[in-house]
Every structure is written in C-alpha cells, then in structure tokens.
Protein backbone atom coordinates (compact mmCIF):
# COMPACT_ATOMS: atom_id res chain seq x y z
CA ALA A 1 0.00 0.00 0.00
CA GLY A 2 1.28 3.42 -0.91
CA ILE A 3 1.27 6.51 1.21
CA VAL A 4 -1.76 8.71 0.67
CA HIS A 5 -1.15 12.42 1.03
CA ARG A 6 -4.03 14.49 2.32
CA GLN A 7 -4.52 17.65 0.26
CA LEU A 8 -3.59 20.69 2.30
CA THR A 9 -5.94 23.65 2.24
CA PRO A 10 -4.17 26.90 3.18
CA SER A 11 -5.97 29.06 5.68
CA PRO A 12 -7.53 32.34 4.48
CA THR A 13 -4.94 34.25 6.50
CA ALA A 14 -2.01 32.46 4.87
CA MET A 15 -3.37 33.14 1.39
CA SER A 16 -4.46 36.74 1.94
CA CYS A 17 -1.36 38.14 0.24
CA ALA A 18 -0.42 35.29 -2.08
CA ASP A 19 -3.75 35.21 -3.91
CA LEU A 20 -3.91 38.92 -4.67
CA ASN A 21 -2.54 40.42 -7.84
CA LEU A 22 -0.11 43.33 -7.68
CA LYS A 23 -2.73 45.98 -8.37
CA ASP A 24 -4.84 44.87 -5.42
CA TRP A 25 -1.99 44.19 -3.01
CA ASP A 26 0.55 46.96 -3.59
CA GLU A 27 -0.85 50.05 -5.27
CA LYS A 28 2.42 51.99 -5.00
CA VAL A 29 4.53 49.43 -6.84
CA TYR A 30 1.73 48.83 -9.34
CA ASP A 31 1.51 52.56 -10.01
CA LEU A 32 5.27 52.73 -10.63
CA LEU A 33 5.04 49.73 -12.95
CA ILE A 34 2.31 51.38 -15.01
CA LYS A 35 4.24 54.65 -15.17
CA GLU A 36 7.38 52.87 -16.32
CA LYS A 37 5.44 50.96 -18.95
CA GLN A 38 3.93 54.20 -20.22
CA ARG A 39 7.39 55.77 -20.32
CA GLN A 40 8.70 52.89 -22.40
CA VAL A 41 5.68 52.84 -24.73
CA ASN A 42 5.49 56.60 -25.29
CA GLY A 43 9.19 57.42 -25.55
CA ILE A 44 11.98 56.83 -28.05
CA GLU A 45 14.47 54.39 -26.55
CA LEU A 46 17.99 54.89 -27.88
CA ILE A 47 20.08 53.47 -25.05
CA ALA A 48 22.34 51.01 -26.86
CA SER A 49 22.28 48.43 -24.06
CA GLU A 50 18.48 48.27 -23.78
CA ASN A 51 15.87 46.38 -25.75
CA PHE A 52 12.26 45.19 -25.55
CA THR A 53 12.02 41.50 -24.82
CA SER A 54 9.09 39.29 -25.82
CA LYS A 55 5.93 38.39 -23.93
CA ALA A 56 7.12 34.79 -23.81
CA VAL A 57 10.35 35.79 -22.08
CA MET A 58 8.49 38.02 -19.62
CA GLU A 59 6.14 35.15 -18.85
CA CYS A 60 9.17 33.07 -17.89
CA LEU A 61 10.50 35.85 -15.68
CA GLY A 62 7.25 35.90 -13.73
CA SER A 63 6.95 32.13 -13.50
CA CYS A 64 7.18 29.58 -10.68
CA PHE A 65 10.80 28.88 -11.68
CA THR A 66 11.67 31.87 -9.48
CA ASN A 67 10.64 29.80 -6.42
CA LYS A 68 13.22 27.03 -6.86
CA TYR A 69 16.68 26.80 -5.35
CA SER A 70 19.16 24.78 -7.42
CA GLU A 71 22.77 25.30 -6.36
CA GLY A 72 25.15 23.27 -8.48
CA LEU A 73 24.89 21.98 -12.04
CA PRO A 74 22.31 19.66 -13.65
CA GLY A 75 22.65 16.20 -12.12
CA ALA A 76 24.77 17.50 -9.23
CA ARG A 77 22.53 19.78 -7.17
CA TYR A 78 22.67 20.54 -3.47
CA TYR A 79 18.85 20.57 -3.21
CA GLY A 80 16.16 18.09 -4.13
CA GLY A 81 13.24 18.65 -6.46
CA ASN A 82 15.30 19.84 -9.41
CA GLU A 83 14.31 17.34 -12.08
CA TYR A 84 12.55 19.97 -14.20
CA VAL A 85 15.11 22.68 -13.47
CA ASP A 86 17.79 20.26 -14.68
CA GLU A 87 15.88 19.75 -17.92
CA LEU A 88 15.49 23.50 -18.28
CA GLU A 89 19.17 24.33 -17.76
CA ASN A 90 20.30 21.55 -20.10
CA LEU A 91 17.89 22.85 -22.73
CA CYS A 92 19.22 26.38 -22.27
CA ARG A 93 22.81 25.21 -22.66
CA GLU A 94 21.96 23.25 -25.81
CA ARG A 95 20.19 26.25 -27.32
CA ALA A 96 23.04 28.59 -26.35
CA LEU A 97 25.58 26.49 -28.23
CA ALA A 98 23.23 26.14 -31.19
CA ALA A 99 22.53 29.89 -31.30
CA PHE A 100 26.22 30.62 -31.86
CA ASN A 101 26.84 27.55 -34.04
CA CYS A 102 29.22 26.02 -31.50
CA ASP A 103 30.16 22.34 -31.69
CA PRO A 104 29.32 20.82 -28.25
CA ALA A 105 32.46 18.69 -28.54
CA LYS A 106 34.58 21.84 -28.76
CA TRP A 107 32.64 24.37 -26.69
CA GLY A 108 30.83 24.39 -23.38
CA VAL A 109 28.70 27.09 -21.77
CA ASN A 110 27.62 28.16 -18.31
CA VAL A 111 24.23 29.91 -18.30
CA GLN A 112 24.05 30.65 -14.57
CA PRO A 113 25.75 34.10 -14.33
CA TYR A 114 23.31 36.72 -13.11
CA SER A 115 24.54 39.23 -15.70
CA GLY A 116 27.59 40.24 -17.73
CA SER A 117 29.75 41.73 -14.98
CA PRO A 118 29.49 38.60 -12.78
CA ALA A 119 30.23 36.49 -15.86
CA ASN A 120 33.42 38.42 -16.56
CA PHE A 121 34.59 38.28 -12.97
CA ALA A 122 33.90 34.55 -12.87
CA VAL A 123 36.30 34.09 -15.80
CA TYR A 124 38.98 36.11 -14.03
CA THR A 125 38.41 34.25 -10.77
CA GLY A 126 38.53 30.85 -12.41
CA LEU A 127 41.46 31.28 -14.77
CA LEU A 128 43.69 33.87 -13.09
CA ASN A 129 45.50 34.25 -9.80
CA PRO A 130 45.37 37.46 -7.75
CA HIS A 131 47.60 40.13 -9.30
CA ASP A 132 47.82 38.37 -12.66
CA ARG A 133 47.88 40.82 -15.55
CA ILE A 134 44.92 41.78 -17.74
CA MET A 135 44.61 44.06 -20.75
CA GLY A 136 41.31 45.57 -21.89
CA LEU A 137 40.04 48.57 -23.84
CA ASP A 138 40.24 51.80 -21.84
CA LEU A 139 36.86 53.14 -20.68
CA PRO A 140 37.19 56.53 -22.46
CA SER A 141 38.05 54.57 -25.62
CA GLY A 142 34.76 52.67 -25.37
CA GLY A 143 35.71 49.87 -23.01
CA HIS A 144 33.75 48.47 -20.08
CA LEU A 145 34.39 48.89 -16.37
CA THR A 146 34.93 45.17 -15.85
CA HIS A 147 37.83 45.09 -18.30
CA GLY A 148 40.08 46.69 -15.69
CA PHE A 149 39.24 50.39 -15.51
CA TYR A 150 41.08 52.62 -13.08
CA THR A 151 42.05 56.28 -12.84
CA ALA A 152 45.18 58.01 -11.60
CA LYS A 153 43.52 58.39 -8.20
CA LYS A 154 41.41 55.27 -7.81
CA LYS A 155 41.07 51.64 -8.85
CA VAL A 156 37.45 51.78 -9.95
CA SER A 157 36.65 48.26 -11.10
CA ALA A 158 37.17 45.19 -8.91
CA THR A 159 39.12 43.84 -11.87
CA SER A 160 41.76 46.52 -11.30
CA ILE A 161 41.67 45.99 -7.53
CA TYR A 162 42.40 42.26 -7.58
CA PHE A 163 44.40 42.06 -10.81
CA GLU A 164 47.02 44.21 -12.50
CA SER A 165 45.40 46.02 -15.41
CA LEU A 166 46.84 47.88 -18.38
CA PRO A 167 44.49 49.44 -20.94
CA TYR A 168 44.89 49.66 -24.67
CA HIS A 169 43.24 52.49 -26.61
CA VAL A 170 41.71 53.69 -29.83
CA ASP A 171 43.76 55.75 -32.25
CA PRO A 172 43.11 59.41 -31.32
CA GLN A 173 42.92 60.40 -34.98
CA THR A 174 40.68 57.67 -36.39
CA GLY A 175 38.82 56.37 -33.34
CA TYR A 176 39.59 52.78 -34.37
CA ILE A 177 41.31 50.28 -32.07
CA ASP A 178 45.06 50.88 -32.17
CA TYR A 179 46.23 47.30 -32.68
CA ASP A 180 49.85 48.38 -33.08
CA GLU A 181 49.72 49.94 -29.62
CA MET A 182 47.98 46.85 -28.26
CA GLU A 183 50.77 44.64 -29.58
CA LYS A 184 53.50 46.91 -28.25
CA LEU A 185 51.92 47.09 -24.79
CA ALA A 186 51.25 43.34 -24.68
CA LEU A 187 54.84 42.47 -25.55
CA MET A 188 55.98 44.75 -22.74
CA PHE A 189 53.29 43.94 -20.13
CA ARG A 190 52.98 40.19 -20.84
CA PRO A 191 49.35 39.86 -19.69
CA LYS A 192 47.80 36.55 -18.70
CA LEU A 193 44.54 37.58 -20.42
CA ILE A 194 43.56 40.04 -23.15
CA VAL A 195 39.91 41.09 -23.36
CA ALA A 196 38.44 42.05 -26.73
CA GLY A 197 35.20 43.85 -26.06
CA ALA A 198 33.56 47.21 -25.55
CA SER A 199 30.42 49.03 -24.47
CA ALA A 200 30.77 52.00 -26.82
CA TYR A 201 32.81 50.99 -29.87
CA PRO A 202 30.99 51.33 -33.22
CA ARG A 203 33.25 49.11 -35.33
CA ASP A 204 33.96 45.41 -35.74
CA TRP A 205 36.92 43.67 -34.12
CA ASP A 206 40.05 42.31 -35.80
CA TYR A 207 40.10 39.03 -33.90
CA THR A 208 42.78 37.63 -36.20
CA ARG A 209 45.20 40.34 -35.13
CA ILE A 210 44.36 39.94 -31.44
CA ARG A 211 44.83 36.17 -31.67
CA LYS A 212 48.32 36.69 -33.06
CA ILE A 213 49.12 39.09 -30.22
CA CYS A 214 47.86 36.59 -27.65
CA ASP A 215 49.90 33.79 -29.20
CA ALA A 216 53.02 35.97 -29.23
CA THR A 217 52.66 36.83 -25.55
CA GLY A 218 51.18 33.61 -24.19
CA ALA A 219 47.96 35.34 -23.18
CA LEU A 220 44.50 33.85 -23.05
CA MET A 221 42.06 35.53 -25.44
CA MET A 222 38.61 36.47 -24.18
CA ALA A 223 35.89 38.28 -26.10
CA ASP A 224 33.14 40.14 -24.28
CA ILE A 225 30.39 40.31 -26.92
CA ALA A 226 27.71 41.63 -24.56
CA HIS A 227 26.68 44.43 -26.90
CA ILE A 228 26.98 42.58 -30.20
CA SER A 229 25.93 39.02 -29.32
CA GLY A 230 22.75 39.26 -31.39
CA LEU A 231 24.83 40.36 -34.35
CA VAL A 232 27.43 37.63 -33.80
CA ALA A 233 24.77 34.92 -33.57
CA THR A 234 23.25 35.97 -36.89
CA GLY A 235 26.51 36.48 -38.77
CA GLU A 236 26.19 40.28 -38.77
CA ALA A 237 29.44 40.74 -36.82
CA ALA A 238 32.79 38.97 -36.83
CA ASN A 239 32.72 35.57 -35.16
CA ALA A 240 34.73 35.71 -31.94
CA PHE A 241 34.32 31.96 -31.45
CA ASP A 242 36.71 31.24 -34.31
CA PHE A 243 39.58 32.82 -32.39
CA CYS A 244 38.91 33.05 -28.65
CA ASP A 245 39.48 30.78 -25.70
CA ILE A 246 36.61 32.34 -23.75
CA VAL A 247 33.53 34.31 -24.85
CA THR A 248 31.22 36.10 -22.41
CA THR A 249 28.00 37.96 -23.05
CA THR A 250 24.94 39.47 -21.52
CA THR A 251 21.63 38.34 -22.96
CA HIS A 252 19.39 41.42 -22.97
CA LYS A 253 21.03 43.83 -25.40
CA SER A 254 21.09 42.97 -29.11
CA LEU A 255 20.20 39.38 -28.16
CA ARG A 256 16.86 40.73 -26.86
CA GLY A 257 16.46 38.28 -23.99
CA PRO A 258 16.20 38.61 -20.19
CA ARG A 259 18.88 40.26 -18.08
CA ALA A 260 21.38 37.44 -17.56
CA GLY A 261 24.85 36.32 -18.61
CA MET A 262 26.65 33.43 -20.30
CA ILE A 263 30.23 32.16 -20.38
CA PHE A 264 31.38 30.06 -23.34
CA PHE A 265 34.67 28.15 -23.02
CA ARG A 266 36.69 25.87 -25.24
CA ARG A 267 36.73 22.23 -24.25
CA GLY A 268 38.18 18.96 -25.55
CA ASP A 269 41.48 18.47 -27.34
CA LYS A 270 43.82 21.27 -28.32
CA GLU A 271 45.23 21.26 -31.83
CA SER A 272 48.69 21.63 -30.31
CA GLY A 273 48.17 18.68 -27.99
CA GLY A 274 46.69 18.30 -24.55
CA LYS A 275 43.24 19.38 -23.45
CA TYR A 276 41.56 22.65 -22.56
CA GLU A 277 41.12 23.00 -18.82
CA TYR A 278 38.70 25.91 -18.58
CA GLU A 279 35.41 24.13 -17.91
CA ASP A 280 35.79 23.03 -14.29
CA ALA A 281 37.61 26.21 -13.29
CA ILE A 282 34.91 28.48 -14.72
CA ASN A 283 31.99 26.40 -13.43
CA GLN A 284 33.47 26.40 -9.93
CA ALA A 285 34.11 30.13 -10.12
CA VAL A 286 30.45 30.78 -10.92
CA PHE A 287 29.40 28.46 -8.09
CA PRO A 288 30.42 28.23 -5.31
CA SER A 289 33.08 30.96 -5.54
CA LEU A 290 30.92 33.93 -6.59
CA GLN A 291 27.25 32.97 -6.69
CA GLY A 292 24.76 30.83 -4.85
CA GLY A 293 21.71 29.39 -6.52
CA PRO A 294 21.07 30.37 -10.14
CA HIS A 295 18.05 32.46 -11.07
CA ASN A 296 16.00 29.82 -12.81
CA HIS A 297 13.37 32.22 -14.08
CA GLN A 298 16.14 34.04 -15.95
CA ILE A 299 17.45 30.77 -17.37
CA ALA A 300 13.92 29.94 -18.53
CA GLY A 301 13.63 33.32 -20.25
CA LEU A 302 17.05 32.90 -21.82
CA ALA A 303 16.21 29.45 -23.16
CA THR A 304 13.05 30.86 -24.71
CA GLN A 305 14.91 33.76 -26.32
CA LEU A 306 17.66 31.51 -27.68
CA LYS A 307 14.96 29.60 -29.54
CA GLU A 308 13.95 32.88 -31.20
CA VAL A 309 17.55 33.66 -32.14
CA LYS A 310 17.53 30.72 -34.57
CA THR A 311 14.48 31.98 -36.48
CA PRO A 312 14.58 33.81 -39.84
CA GLU A 313 12.70 36.68 -38.18
CA PHE A 314 15.53 37.29 -35.72
CA VAL A 315 18.13 37.16 -38.48
CA ALA A 316 16.14 39.83 -40.34
CA TYR A 317 15.91 41.84 -37.13
CA ALA A 318 19.69 41.86 -36.66
CA LYS A 319 20.20 43.03 -40.24
CA GLN A 320 17.67 45.81 -39.70
CA VAL A 321 19.41 46.93 -36.50
CA LYS A 322 22.64 47.50 -38.42
CA SER A 323 20.86 49.20 -41.30
CA ASN A 324 18.94 51.51 -38.97
CA ALA A 325 22.06 52.46 -37.03
CA SER A 326 23.86 53.21 -40.28
CA ALA A 327 20.98 55.39 -41.51
CA LEU A 328 20.96 57.43 -38.30
CA ALA A 329 24.74 57.82 -38.30
CA LYS A 330 24.76 59.02 -41.89
CA PHE A 331 22.02 61.54 -41.09
CA LEU A 332 23.96 63.01 -38.17
CA VAL A 333 27.15 63.20 -40.22
CA SER A 334 25.19 64.96 -42.98
CA LYS A 335 24.29 67.63 -40.44
CA GLY A 336 27.97 68.23 -39.78
CA TYR A 337 28.16 66.43 -36.44
CA LYS A 338 31.17 64.43 -35.32
CA LEU A 339 30.84 60.71 -34.65
CA ALA A 340 33.60 58.46 -33.36
CA THR A 341 35.10 56.65 -36.38
CA GLU A 342 32.78 58.83 -38.51
CA GLY A 343 30.02 56.23 -38.44
CA THR A 344 29.13 52.70 -37.39
CA GLU A 345 29.09 49.13 -38.59
CA ASN A 346 27.20 47.64 -35.68
CA HIS A 347 24.21 48.68 -33.54
CA LEU A 348 25.52 51.88 -31.97
CA MET A 349 27.28 55.17 -32.55
CA LEU A 350 29.17 57.57 -30.31
CA TRP A 351 28.33 61.25 -30.81
CA ASP A 352 31.23 63.54 -29.90
CA LEU A 353 29.77 66.81 -28.59
CA ARG A 354 33.02 68.53 -27.67
CA PRO A 355 33.37 70.47 -30.96
CA LEU A 356 30.04 72.12 -30.06
CA GLY A 357 31.07 72.98 -26.51
CA LEU A 358 28.39 70.71 -25.03
CA THR A 359 28.59 67.75 -22.66
CA GLY A 360 26.85 64.41 -22.62
CA SER A 361 25.22 65.26 -19.30
CA LYS A 362 23.46 68.30 -20.77
CA MET A 363 22.29 66.49 -23.88
CA GLU A 364 20.98 63.55 -21.88
CA ARG A 365 18.78 65.94 -19.87
CA VAL A 366 17.53 67.78 -22.97
CA PHE A 367 16.56 64.56 -24.71
CA GLU A 368 14.76 63.32 -21.59
CA LYS A 369 12.56 66.41 -21.87
CA MET A 370 11.81 65.29 -25.43
CA HIS A 371 10.97 61.74 -24.22
CA ILE A 372 14.10 60.40 -25.91
CA THR A 373 16.38 58.29 -23.71
CA LEU A 374 20.06 57.80 -24.42
CA ASN A 375 23.10 58.05 -22.19
CA LYS A 376 26.04 60.33 -21.66
CA ASN A 377 29.26 58.55 -22.55
CA CYS A 378 33.00 59.10 -22.54
CA VAL A 379 34.76 59.77 -25.81
CA HIS A 380 38.47 59.29 -26.33
CA GLY A 381 40.39 62.14 -24.73
CA ASP A 382 37.90 62.84 -21.94
CA ALA A 383 39.66 63.71 -18.72
CA SER A 384 36.88 62.39 -16.48
CA ALA A 385 34.12 59.80 -16.78
CA LEU A 386 32.02 62.08 -14.55
CA SER A 387 31.88 64.78 -17.22
CA PRO A 388 31.79 62.91 -20.52
CA GLY A 389 31.97 64.69 -23.85
CA GLY A 390 29.59 62.51 -25.80
CA VAL A 391 26.40 60.49 -25.91
CA ARG A 392 25.92 56.88 -26.97
CA ILE A 393 23.05 56.04 -29.31
CA GLY A 394 21.77 52.57 -30.17
CA ALA A 395 19.27 51.07 -32.59
CA PRO A 396 18.18 47.70 -31.07
CA ALA A 397 15.18 48.84 -29.00
CA MET A 398 13.43 50.98 -31.60
CA THR A 399 14.15 48.38 -34.28
CA SER A 400 12.22 45.97 -32.05
CA ARG A 401 9.38 48.51 -32.18
CA GLY A 402 9.36 48.23 -35.98
CA LEU A 403 11.24 51.35 -37.06
CA LYS A 404 13.01 51.32 -40.44
CA GLU A 405 15.71 53.50 -42.01
CA ALA A 406 13.42 56.44 -42.82
CA ASP A 407 12.09 56.40 -39.26
CA PHE A 408 15.61 56.60 -37.87
CA GLU A 409 16.33 59.55 -40.12
CA GLN A 410 13.32 61.25 -38.50
CA VAL A 411 14.77 60.34 -35.11
CA GLY A 412 17.96 62.00 -36.30
CA GLU A 413 15.99 65.16 -37.02
CA PHE A 414 14.63 65.07 -33.45
CA LEU A 415 18.19 64.73 -32.14
CA HIS A 416 19.30 67.63 -34.30
CA GLN A 417 16.49 69.81 -32.94
CA GLY A 418 17.37 68.84 -29.38
CA LEU A 419 20.98 69.77 -29.89
CA GLN A 420 20.04 73.17 -31.30
CA LEU A 421 17.86 73.70 -28.25
CA ALA A 422 20.78 72.81 -25.99
CA LEU A 423 22.99 75.35 -27.73
CA GLU A 424 20.31 77.99 -27.23
CA ILE A 425 19.95 77.22 -23.53
CA GLN A 426 23.69 77.15 -22.96
CA SER A 427 24.08 80.53 -24.64
CA LYS A 428 21.76 81.93 -21.97
CA SER A 429 22.69 79.85 -18.93
CA GLY A 430 26.45 79.58 -19.28
CA LYS A 431 28.64 76.49 -19.06
CA LYS A 432 27.74 75.15 -15.60
CA LEU A 433 25.51 72.08 -15.62
CA VAL A 434 23.46 73.23 -12.62
CA ASP A 435 22.58 76.51 -14.34
CA PHE A 436 21.82 74.70 -17.58
CA ILE A 437 19.41 72.32 -15.83
CA LYS A 438 17.77 75.17 -13.93
CA MET A 439 16.97 76.97 -17.17
CA LEU A 440 15.91 73.76 -18.93
CA ASP A 441 13.45 73.07 -16.10
CA GLY A 442 12.26 76.67 -15.97
CA ASP A 443 9.03 78.11 -17.32
CA GLU A 444 10.46 79.02 -20.72
CA TYR A 445 11.31 75.42 -21.62
CA ALA A 446 9.20 73.39 -19.19
CA GLN A 447 6.48 72.60 -21.74
CA GLY A 448 8.90 71.92 -24.59
CA ARG A 449 9.51 74.00 -27.67
C-alpha cells in the first residue's frame, strides 16, 4: 500500500497576500510599474544596451521557476526537487551552443551568471590568480568597467583591484582600435589575459590580429560580446568563437532576452596537444566561488529567447538593426556632427559633442525632456568619466518597435532639434551644468519647444 497524502488547504490568512494580484496588493509598486510601462511605450528608446524582450520571455521571468533553489549543475545539485530545473538548464545550454553555431564537442557554456559583470569576474576568478595581468580597452576609448578600468587616483573596477590592469586604446585620430599599440603594450606587459570587447565601440573587431598578439605573448584571449551578441549569432558581426578561448555575453542587449549572462569556453582536445582546462575552473568560479543558486526564471527566459535567435525573423531583425544604425549615423554626419570613427558598422554610434562645446550630461537631460532616452558617454580624450563629452546612441530597441531606415532619419531630425535647443539654452545659462538644468526646467522650456 502506498502513502496517501491528504490535500492541504491553506488558511484564508495564509493566502491573503499570495492570492492577490499586484494591483490589489501593492498600489504603490503597481503605479510605478504602469508609469514605467507608459514611459517605455510613449518614448523613443535609444540606449544602446536596452531592448524590448518578448511576452514569452516576460512570462518566464514571472513564473514559478523563481521559487526554486538549485545550487550546483544539472545532475549535481545541493537541493532536491530539481528534475525539471535540470531539464530547463540543459535545454538552455543546448540552445546557447546552437545559437552561436558552436560544436558541443569543442565548446561548453555556463548559463548561470546573473549578468555580464558577474560572468566576466567569474572568468577572471577561475582562470587567473590574484595580481595576474589583464589588458582591456580603456573606458574613455569605449571599453567596459569590468575590463580593468582605473584612474590616476582610484582603482574603480574590482578587476583593477584584484588584478594588474593595463588598458589599450583607440587611435586618437581615427577612433579605431590601435592594434599596433595593443601589440607593443602586450609584448611589454605580458598579460595573462587580453579582453576584446567594448560598451561604446561602433566598429567590428580584428580578432585575427588579437589572436596573433595573444599567441606571441602567451595570453589567453577572451571576447566580451555583450553588446553585439545578437549580431554575432546571426553572422552580422565577426565571429569571436573562431579565435577566442573564452567568450562572455549578456543576454538582454542585441540578443533581446532577459537580463542574464553566459560564459562560453573551449573544451576537448587542443590542436597543439593536450586538453583545454577551462570548464571546471569556470563552473566552480560561478558556483560556489561567486554565486549561490542560479536564477532559474532568468534561465527559462534565456532558453526561450535563444529559440527565437535561430528563427529567420531574428536574423532579419539583426540586419535591420545595423541598417537603422547606419541610416541614423549618416544623417547626423550629414548635419555636420562628429561621430567616433565617422560612423558605425554595428548597432551603436558615439556622438562627440566637444566640438560644439556641449557635454553628454546636458544632452541627456535635454533629450529626456523630449521623451528620448540615451546616455552620456566618454569619448576618447575625456579627462573624467564624470563629465563625458559625448552620448551613446543605439538602434536595437526601436528596431524591435518596428522602425526602419526612414524612421531613424526622422529620429535623427529630433536629435538635431534637441541639440540646437541645448545650444540655445547654454548661450543663456552659461557652461555650468546646474545653471543649464535650472533653465531647462524653468518656465520658458518646461512645456517643450
């Protein structure tokens, strides 16, 4: 005879909160949610790192997978009741490798990182020792904080705190990566790891050249494709997997998924003999070194989005993102404005405002008044990240909303009008940001122009 479980009926008190929807239980949070949704629907979203994910992904993010604890990897958990979570994570890993056309015999992937920064630090933790040397693109050149950023006065990123970091740069004349400088610095610095990746670089990467530099110096080669992963997966950007030992990415930018991270690593036999030994080190760095239980609702959303990445519709989307970004860049250049590298060949552009005497902080505030969101951003030569001389503009989000090239040219006209307004305000308010904002928020401009 088997054990018969009596169905438990929760008391009304126990269910008083759990059975209510958000609107009925927490009016304040619900009100903020509605306001944020209206902001997203009614505005023009040009932040290069943002996108609009699908209803299916959002359904996963609000699912019962958020209730489950599952420390460890599939088949080796520290909690019971993970049979379906194991299936989910295995499915996500299979789809991740398929999305980037990776041979499972040659590549593995960890889909547990909470986002891109934890993914990057897990690689460093797993493959490097404290005070090992890292090279990454300098932040004012378009690099990311996690690639080792520091200033003359402060080690800003944890990467620069726990490891020795030396940045490479873009050419000050062209705005392109200075690979000659990278090679010269690498031969001198002898890094353990070189990171190829950026958060504000509008051109493709010469992975062949970087691979040669890594081989000449004995460095590991890692690509951080967080911004361009959707383009890489669809063949619209150079394939980092052909050259790198490690590839990391976020999943919510051009990939259009939930906010999460992935680490891809080579596995199996090396062509030169021996085997790659990255898998165990990286998996153990993710857990237990840096994280606890994975966020299974994120993994569910990621698995769902990776299915979409393999569709013809997503391939067409990635092509449209590049075409839209190019159309907007050409429009701004036609107006006489300065862009880093004079254009773009991916999803973003970097608008250098210094020739106009404006700052990114001022333009960000003006465009917010126009219900256009973008972000202030360093450009090469900026003395401080706190007072950047440019703004970063991206095409992924509004391409998801269905905009085409002509629409982005109209967006360019809006940006042009906003800049002219900023020049007018600055001519009256002076150079200080506080005075500029005071006038922008004053009666003359409060209702828009």
